[in-house]
Every structure is written in C-alpha cells, then in structure tokens.
Amino acid sequence: MMSRVFASVSPFLAAALLVPVMAGGALAQVRDPAYAAARAAGQVGEMPTGYLGIVGASTPELKRLVDDINIKRKAVYAERAQAQHATVEEYAFTTGCKLVMQTQPGEKYQTPDGSWQVRGGGAPVRDSRCPA
C-alpha cells in the first residue's frame, strides 16, 4: 500500500515538497554533539523513508537519540505536509530522497533494498521514485 502512495507522488508535488524540506526542527539535530558523533561513527544513517535509522547494534542511548530525532522530524513533516496538501508519508519520502542525496562521503545511508551503504564520492543509490 505504501508503494502506491509513493508512486502517486506527482513530479510537481514532489518538487513542491522538497523546497522547504530542512528548515526548522530537522536541522536542529546537526547541532547535537551526540548525533554528530553517532553519524561520524557510522552508528546512524539516513533512510529513504525520511527518518534516521540505527546501523548495526543499538544501545538505549542511541535508540533514545534516534527516536527523539525521528519524532521531531515527523512533527515537521506533518506540519509541512498539511501546508502542501500532501500526506505525511509523501512528504517524508520526498524528504528522505533529499536527505540521502545530502549525505557526505563516509556517512551511511540505506538503499531502497534495505541494505546500509557508506557514501562514496559518487551519487548514492536512491529510490527510482525520487524526484530528479
């Protein structure tokens, strides 16, 4: 069912959703030293769903950190999705496309098949439904 939702995202809607993607709450995580350390250590990575994922073994602290960031992201997505007349899932997906593209070499991201990859110098593997 989710794939039908994502497949129905028109290119126009997808482009509109990407414009205000990361201003506000989702950017606040960059300032968190624990988040920066976990990202640099490869313990967390961007998922195509628009949320942060835990790579490998989890700890209670890491789970709390990721859950907190994802709760904040979802709140931003819900607000912006409503303003764009989109679903939270559509908005999160298009944001996920952008967040995966914004990963830096050495950072981890999840591919559409669910595997975790380390970003190299080239473009990351993204979902074929992501806007260009």
C-alpha atoms as a PDB file:
ATOM      1  CA  MET A   1       0.000   0.000   0.000  1.00  0.00           C
ATOM      2  CA  MET A   2       2.825   2.439   0.857  1.00  0.00           C
ATOM      3  CA  SER A   3       4.391   1.886  -2.568  1.00  0.00           C
ATOM      4  CA  ARG A   4       1.151   3.033  -4.203  1.00  0.00           C
ATOM      5  CA  VAL A   5       1.221   6.154  -2.054  1.00  0.00           C
ATOM      6  CA  PHE A   6       4.782   6.948  -3.083  1.00  0.00           C
ATOM      7  CA  ALA A   7       4.172   6.057  -6.716  1.00  0.00           C
ATOM      8  CA  SER A   8       1.296   8.525  -6.773  1.00  0.00           C
ATOM      9  CA  VAL A   9       3.516  11.466  -5.842  1.00  0.00           C
ATOM     10  CA  SER A  10       3.435  13.680  -8.909  1.00  0.00           C
ATOM     11  CA  PRO A  11       6.677  15.317 -10.016  1.00  0.00           C
ATOM     12  CA  PHE A  12       5.123  18.725  -9.307  1.00  0.00           C
ATOM     13  CA  LEU A  13       4.100  17.746  -5.775  1.00  0.00           C
ATOM     14  CA  ALA A  14       7.471  16.138  -5.160  1.00  0.00           C
ATOM     15  CA  ALA A  15       9.280  19.294  -6.230  1.00  0.00           C
ATOM     16  CA  ALA A  16       6.994  21.454  -4.095  1.00  0.00           C
ATOM     17  CA  LEU A  17       7.611  19.253  -1.083  1.00  0.00           C
ATOM     18  CA  LEU A  18      11.377  19.492  -1.391  1.00  0.00           C
ATOM     19  CA  VAL A  19      11.539  23.285  -1.319  1.00  0.00           C
ATOM     20  CA  PRO A  20      11.124  23.850   2.434  1.00  0.00           C
ATOM     21  CA  VAL A  21      12.468  20.465   3.472  1.00  0.00           C
ATOM     22  CA  MET A  22      15.010  21.068   6.159  1.00  0.00           C
ATOM     23  CA  ALA A  23      14.423  24.455   7.729  1.00  0.00           C
ATOM     24  CA  GLY A  24      13.457  24.207  11.359  1.00  0.00           C
ATOM     25  CA  GLY A  25      13.345  21.153  13.581  1.00  0.00           C
ATOM     26  CA  ALA A  26      15.119  18.637  11.392  1.00  0.00           C
ATOM     27  CA  LEU A  27      18.194  20.855  11.147  1.00  0.00           C
ATOM     28  CA  ALA A  28      18.448  21.147  14.914  1.00  0.00           C
ATOM     29  CA  GLN A  29      19.820  17.595  15.087  1.00  0.00           C
ATOM     30  CA  VAL A  30      23.016  18.739  13.331  1.00  0.00           C
ATOM     31  CA  ARG A  31      23.863  20.834  16.379  1.00  0.00           C
ATOM     32  CA  ASP A  32      23.550  17.875  18.773  1.00  0.00           C
ATOM     33  CA  PRO A  33      27.075  16.558  19.514  1.00  0.00           C
ATOM     34  CA  ALA A  34      25.730  13.062  20.279  1.00  0.00           C
ATOM     35  CA  TYR A  35      24.033  12.959  16.873  1.00  0.00           C
ATOM     36  CA  ALA A  36      27.156  14.223  15.112  1.00  0.00           C
ATOM     37  CA  ALA A  37      29.292  11.613  16.899  1.00  0.00           C
ATOM     38  CA  ALA A  38      26.891   8.762  16.075  1.00  0.00           C
ATOM     39  CA  ARG A  39      26.715   9.839  12.438  1.00  0.00           C
ATOM     40  CA  ALA A  40      30.521  10.138  12.166  1.00  0.00           C
ATOM     41  CA  ALA A  41      30.937   6.700  13.782  1.00  0.00           C
ATOM     42  CA  GLY A  42      28.521   5.130  11.287  1.00  0.00           C
ATOM     43  CA  GLN A  43      26.053   4.170  14.023  1.00  0.00           C
ATOM     44  CA  VAL A  44      23.177   6.016  12.340  1.00  0.00           C
ATOM     45  CA  GLY A  45      22.257   6.758   8.763  1.00  0.00           C
ATOM     46  CA  GLU A  46      19.593   8.295   6.585  1.00  0.00           C
ATOM     47  CA  MET A  47      16.780   6.068   5.386  1.00  0.00           C
ATOM     48  CA  PRO A  48      14.747   6.601   2.201  1.00  0.00           C
ATOM     49  CA  THR A  49      11.671   6.959   4.401  1.00  0.00           C
ATOM     50  CA  GLY A  50      12.869  10.360   5.617  1.00  0.00           C
ATOM     51  CA  TYR A  51      13.805   9.074   9.042  1.00  0.00           C
ATOM     52  CA  LEU A  52      17.084   8.277  10.739  1.00  0.00           C
ATOM     53  CA  GLY A  53      17.985   4.623  11.235  1.00  0.00           C
ATOM     54  CA  ILE A  54      20.309   2.728  13.543  1.00  0.00           C
ATOM     55  CA  VAL A  55      23.041   0.836  11.714  1.00  0.00           C
ATOM     56  CA  GLY A  56      24.077  -2.354  13.490  1.00  0.00           C
ATOM     57  CA  ALA A  57      23.871  -2.832  17.239  1.00  0.00           C
ATOM     58  CA  SER A  58      21.780  -0.414  19.248  1.00  0.00           C
ATOM     59  CA  THR A  59      22.196   0.932  22.742  1.00  0.00           C
ATOM     60  CA  PRO A  60      19.462   2.501  24.873  1.00  0.00           C
ATOM     61  CA  GLU A  61      21.117   5.907  24.469  1.00  0.00           C
ATOM     62  CA  LEU A  62      21.368   5.564  20.693  1.00  0.00           C
ATOM     63  CA  LYS A  63      17.751   4.415  20.450  1.00  0.00           C
ATOM     64  CA  ARG A  64      16.609   7.416  22.516  1.00  0.00           C
ATOM     65  CA  LEU A  65      18.619   9.771  20.313  1.00  0.00           C
ATOM     66  CA  VAL A  66      17.235   8.337  17.063  1.00  0.00           C
ATOM     67  CA  ASP A  67      13.681   8.175  18.413  1.00  0.00           C
ATOM     68  CA  ASP A  68      13.885  11.801  19.549  1.00  0.00           C
ATOM     69  CA  ILE A  69      15.167  12.986  16.171  1.00  0.00           C
ATOM     70  CA  ASN A  70      12.547  10.965  14.313  1.00  0.00           C
ATOM     71  CA  ILE A  71       9.725  12.308  16.494  1.00  0.00           C
ATOM     72  CA  LYS A  72      10.899  15.837  15.726  1.00  0.00           C
ATOM     73  CA  ARG A  73      11.178  15.054  12.028  1.00  0.00           C
ATOM     74  CA  LYS A  74       7.681  13.595  11.939  1.00  0.00           C
ATOM     75  CA  ALA A  75       6.268  16.710  13.607  1.00  0.00           C
ATOM     76  CA  VAL A  76       7.933  18.903  10.972  1.00  0.00           C
ATOM     77  CA  TYR A  77       6.755  16.588   8.186  1.00  0.00           C
ATOM     78  CA  ALA A  78       3.172  16.622   9.485  1.00  0.00           C
ATOM     79  CA  GLU A  79       3.074  20.409   9.613  1.00  0.00           C
ATOM     80  CA  ARG A  80       4.614  20.873   6.186  1.00  0.00           C
ATOM     81  CA  ALA A  81       2.631  18.060   4.579  1.00  0.00           C
ATOM     82  CA  GLN A  82      -0.596  19.695   5.672  1.00  0.00           C
ATOM     83  CA  ALA A  83       0.544  23.028   4.244  1.00  0.00           C
ATOM     84  CA  GLN A  84       1.436  21.294   0.950  1.00  0.00           C
ATOM     85  CA  HIS A  85      -1.803  19.238   0.855  1.00  0.00           C
ATOM     86  CA  ALA A  86       0.201  16.018   0.957  1.00  0.00           C
ATOM     87  CA  THR A  87       0.291  13.053   3.294  1.00  0.00           C
ATOM     88  CA  VAL A  88       2.961  12.774   5.964  1.00  0.00           C
ATOM     89  CA  GLU A  89       4.266   9.675   4.158  1.00  0.00           C
ATOM     90  CA  GLU A  90       4.588  11.524   0.837  1.00  0.00           C
ATOM     91  CA  TYR A  91       6.375  14.417   2.474  1.00  0.00           C
ATOM     92  CA  ALA A  92       8.661  12.121   4.482  1.00  0.00           C
ATOM     93  CA  PHE A  93       9.524  10.113   1.368  1.00  0.00           C
ATOM     94  CA  THR A  94      10.471  13.127  -0.736  1.00  0.00           C
ATOM     95  CA  THR A  95      12.465  14.487   2.196  1.00  0.00           C
ATOM     96  CA  GLY A  96      14.180  11.105   2.518  1.00  0.00           C
ATOM     97  CA  CYS A  97      15.226  11.356  -1.126  1.00  0.00           C
ATOM     98  CA  LYS A  98      16.847  14.704  -0.423  1.00  0.00           C
ATOM     99  CA  LEU A  99      18.457  13.628   2.866  1.00  0.00           C
ATOM    100  CA  VAL A 100      20.068  10.610   1.210  1.00  0.00           C
ATOM    101  CA  MET A 101      21.438  12.914  -1.516  1.00  0.00           C
ATOM    102  CA  GLN A 102      22.804  15.253   1.173  1.00  0.00           C
ATOM    103  CA  THR A 103      24.853  12.547   2.881  1.00  0.00           C
ATOM    104  CA  GLN A 104      28.577  13.197   2.752  1.00  0.00           C
ATOM    105  CA  PRO A 105      31.290  10.719   1.723  1.00  0.00           C
ATOM    106  CA  GLY A 106      31.878   8.322   4.607  1.00  0.00           C
ATOM    107  CA  GLU A 107      28.344   8.642   6.020  1.00  0.00           C
ATOM    108  CA  LYS A 108      25.877   5.780   5.972  1.00  0.00           C
ATOM    109  CA  TYR A 109      22.548   5.630   4.196  1.00  0.00           C
ATOM    110  CA  GLN A 110      20.015   2.919   3.479  1.00  0.00           C
ATOM    111  CA  THR A 111      19.389   1.864  -0.108  1.00  0.00           C
ATOM    112  CA  PRO A 112      15.914   1.038  -1.438  1.00  0.00           C
ATOM    113  CA  ASP A 113      16.625  -2.692  -0.917  1.00  0.00           C
ATOM    114  CA  GLY A 114      17.209  -2.069   2.802  1.00  0.00           C
ATOM    115  CA  SER A 115      20.982  -2.520   2.857  1.00  0.00           C
ATOM    116  CA  TRP A 116      23.225   0.042   4.525  1.00  0.00           C
ATOM    117  CA  GLN A 117      25.918   1.622   2.374  1.00  0.00           C
ATOM    118  CA  VAL A 118      28.754   4.026   3.042  1.00  0.00           C
ATOM    119  CA  ARG A 119      28.529   7.054   0.786  1.00  0.00           C
ATOM    120  CA  GLY A 120      31.461   7.209  -1.579  1.00  0.00           C
ATOM    121  CA  GLY A 121      32.474  10.030  -3.870  1.00  0.00           C
ATOM    122  CA  GLY A 122      29.638   9.397  -6.319  1.00  0.00           C
ATOM    123  CA  ALA A 123      25.896   9.733  -6.037  1.00  0.00           C
ATOM    124  CA  PRO A 124      24.154   7.458  -3.528  1.00  0.00           C
ATOM    125  CA  VAL A 125      21.765   4.725  -4.626  1.00  0.00           C
ATOM    126  CA  ARG A 126      18.280   6.231  -4.382  1.00  0.00           C
ATOM    127  CA  ASP A 127      14.754   5.008  -4.891  1.00  0.00           C
ATOM    128  CA  SER A 128      13.714   5.248  -8.544  1.00  0.00           C
ATOM    129  CA  ARG A 129      10.625   7.217  -7.446  1.00  0.00           C
ATOM    130  CA  CYS A 130      12.745  10.060  -6.068  1.00  0.00           C
ATOM    131  CA  PRO A 131      12.448  13.312  -7.982  1.00  0.00           C
ATOM    132  CA  ALA A 132      15.473  14.174 -10.106  1.00  0.00           C
END
